[in-house]
Amino acid sequence: MSRESDPQEWLRFAEIDRRAAKHLLEAGEYETCAFHCQQAVEKLLKAVIVKQTGQNPPHIHDLLTLLRKIDLETDEEFQRTFNILDAYYVGSRYPLDVADADTFIRPLAESAIRKTDEIFKWFSARISFEDT
């Protein structure tokens, strides 16, 4: 089995990003913290896709597109959370007009971590990775 087709590997990397985000918050690196929150959720979604399909996940970064590939019902509010985190993929990494640098302050980073933790908790209540 390749690493890319192993849901445990995706989950391991998701947890690495989630822990990194928390360390970056404490270091005052709010933009990079938000980026790692997005990355953690992206890798979690890819772990679920691999778990459900047995296939490598698509090479895309859009969280809603990945979420739609998962066989679980979600509501609009939950999907909005993914949209919020998705904005941090580009907005925190490049000097584009997607997000103003002044946007990335501690409360935003704390909120990104809370949202990420909520998503991980939601999925862990519905998907077991123990048997993979």
Protein backbone atom coordinates (compact mmCIF):
# COMPACT_ATOMS: atom_id res chain seq x y z
CA MET A 1 0.00 0.00 0.00
CA SER A 2 1.36 3.40 -0.93
CA ARG A 3 1.41 6.15 1.68
CA GLU A 4 -1.06 8.15 -0.41
CA SER A 5 -3.58 5.31 -0.31
CA ASP A 6 -3.25 4.84 3.46
CA PRO A 7 -5.89 6.74 5.45
CA GLN A 8 -3.73 6.47 8.58
CA GLU A 9 -0.96 8.42 6.85
CA TRP A 10 -3.37 11.20 5.87
CA LEU A 11 -4.70 11.27 9.41
CA ARG A 12 -1.17 11.40 10.84
CA PHE A 13 -0.29 14.39 8.65
CA ALA A 14 -3.60 16.05 9.54
CA GLU A 15 -2.74 15.77 13.22
CA ILE A 16 0.75 17.16 12.59
CA ASP A 17 -0.79 20.25 10.97
CA ARG A 18 -3.31 20.60 13.78
CA ARG A 19 -0.58 20.50 16.43
CA ALA A 20 1.56 22.90 14.39
CA ALA A 21 -1.34 25.38 14.24
CA LYS A 22 -1.58 25.37 18.03
CA HIS A 23 2.16 25.98 18.41
CA LEU A 24 2.03 28.77 15.83
CA LEU A 25 -0.83 30.42 17.70
CA GLU A 26 1.30 30.59 20.83
CA ALA A 27 4.23 31.91 18.79
CA GLY A 28 2.06 34.74 17.43
CA GLU A 29 2.26 33.47 13.85
CA TYR A 30 -1.44 33.93 13.12
CA GLU A 31 -1.38 33.73 9.31
CA THR A 32 0.60 30.50 9.33
CA CYS A 33 -1.58 29.15 12.14
CA ALA A 34 -4.69 29.71 9.99
CA PHE A 35 -2.99 28.05 7.01
CA HIS A 36 -2.16 24.94 9.04
CA CYS A 37 -5.78 24.76 10.22
CA GLN A 38 -6.89 24.63 6.59
CA GLN A 39 -4.22 22.03 5.84
CA ALA A 40 -5.25 19.88 8.81
CA VAL A 41 -8.86 19.80 7.63
CA GLU A 42 -7.84 19.15 4.03
CA LYS A 43 -5.76 16.14 5.07
CA LEU A 44 -8.50 14.90 7.38
CA LEU A 45 -10.98 15.01 4.49
CA LYS A 46 -8.51 13.13 2.30
CA ALA A 47 -8.13 10.50 5.03
CA VAL A 48 -11.90 10.03 5.05
CA ILE A 49 -12.05 9.84 1.25
CA VAL A 50 -9.36 7.16 1.20
CA LYS A 51 -11.08 5.30 4.04
CA GLN A 52 -14.45 5.34 2.27
CA THR A 53 -13.33 4.71 -1.31
CA GLY A 54 -10.07 2.79 -1.01
CA GLN A 55 -8.66 5.12 -3.67
CA ASN A 56 -6.12 7.91 -3.57
CA PRO A 57 -7.73 11.26 -2.82
CA PRO A 58 -8.01 13.88 -5.54
CA HIS A 59 -5.14 16.34 -5.82
CA ILE A 60 -7.25 19.37 -4.96
CA HIS A 61 -7.25 21.75 -2.03
CA ASP A 62 -10.82 23.09 -2.01
CA LEU A 63 -12.42 21.90 1.22
CA LEU A 64 -16.03 21.97 0.02
CA THR A 65 -15.17 19.99 -3.09
CA LEU A 66 -13.44 17.40 -0.90
CA LEU A 67 -16.34 17.39 1.56
CA ARG A 68 -18.78 16.64 -1.28
CA LYS A 69 -16.79 13.50 -2.12
CA ILE A 70 -17.52 12.08 1.32
CA ASP A 71 -20.56 9.92 1.96
CA LEU A 72 -21.90 11.81 5.00
CA GLU A 73 -24.72 14.32 5.35
CA THR A 74 -23.72 17.84 6.39
CA ASP A 75 -25.78 20.95 6.91
CA GLU A 76 -25.22 24.45 5.54
CA GLU A 77 -23.76 25.81 8.76
CA PHE A 78 -21.16 23.04 8.85
CA GLN A 79 -20.32 23.73 5.20
CA ARG A 80 -19.86 27.45 5.97
CA THR A 81 -17.17 26.47 8.45
CA PHE A 82 -15.29 24.79 5.62
CA ASN A 83 -15.65 27.92 3.48
CA ILE A 84 -14.17 30.04 6.26
CA LEU A 85 -11.18 27.74 6.70
CA ASP A 86 -10.75 27.43 2.95
CA ALA A 87 -10.08 31.17 2.67
CA TYR A 88 -6.93 30.65 4.75
CA TYR A 89 -5.32 28.42 2.13
CA VAL A 90 -4.45 31.28 -0.23
CA GLY A 91 -5.24 34.27 1.95
CA SER A 92 -2.61 33.41 4.52
CA ARG A 93 0.16 32.42 2.12
CA TYR A 94 0.29 35.02 -0.64
CA PRO A 95 0.09 38.81 -0.77
CA LEU A 96 -3.18 38.77 -2.70
CA ASP A 97 -6.35 40.73 -2.18
CA VAL A 98 -8.13 37.60 -0.94
CA ALA A 99 -7.41 38.60 2.67
CA ASP A 100 -5.87 41.67 4.23
CA ALA A 101 -2.80 40.93 6.35
CA ASP A 102 -4.46 42.81 9.22
CA THR A 103 -7.18 40.14 9.18
CA PHE A 104 -4.88 37.58 10.77
CA ILE A 105 -5.01 38.50 14.42
CA ARG A 106 -5.08 36.24 17.45
CA PRO A 107 -8.91 35.97 17.71
CA LEU A 108 -9.11 34.81 14.09
CA ALA A 109 -6.38 32.21 14.66
CA GLU A 110 -8.09 31.03 17.86
CA SER A 111 -11.35 30.73 15.95
CA ALA A 112 -9.64 28.75 13.18
CA ILE A 113 -8.28 26.31 15.75
CA ARG A 114 -11.70 25.95 17.40
CA LYS A 115 -13.32 25.29 14.02
CA THR A 116 -10.63 22.76 13.14
CA ASP A 117 -11.05 20.96 16.45
CA GLU A 118 -14.84 20.89 15.98
CA ILE A 119 -14.43 19.35 12.52
CA PHE A 120 -12.03 16.70 13.83
CA LYS A 121 -14.46 15.90 16.66
CA TRP A 122 -17.42 15.71 14.24
CA PHE A 123 -15.61 13.26 11.98
CA SER A 124 -14.19 11.17 14.81
CA ALA A 125 -17.75 10.62 16.05
CA ARG A 126 -18.73 9.24 12.62
CA ILE A 127 -15.65 7.59 11.14
CA SER A 128 -13.39 5.03 12.78
CA PHE A 129 -9.83 4.76 11.56
CA GLU A 130 -9.00 1.97 13.99
CA ASP A 131 -9.45 -0.83 11.46
CA THR A 132 -7.28 0.68 8.72
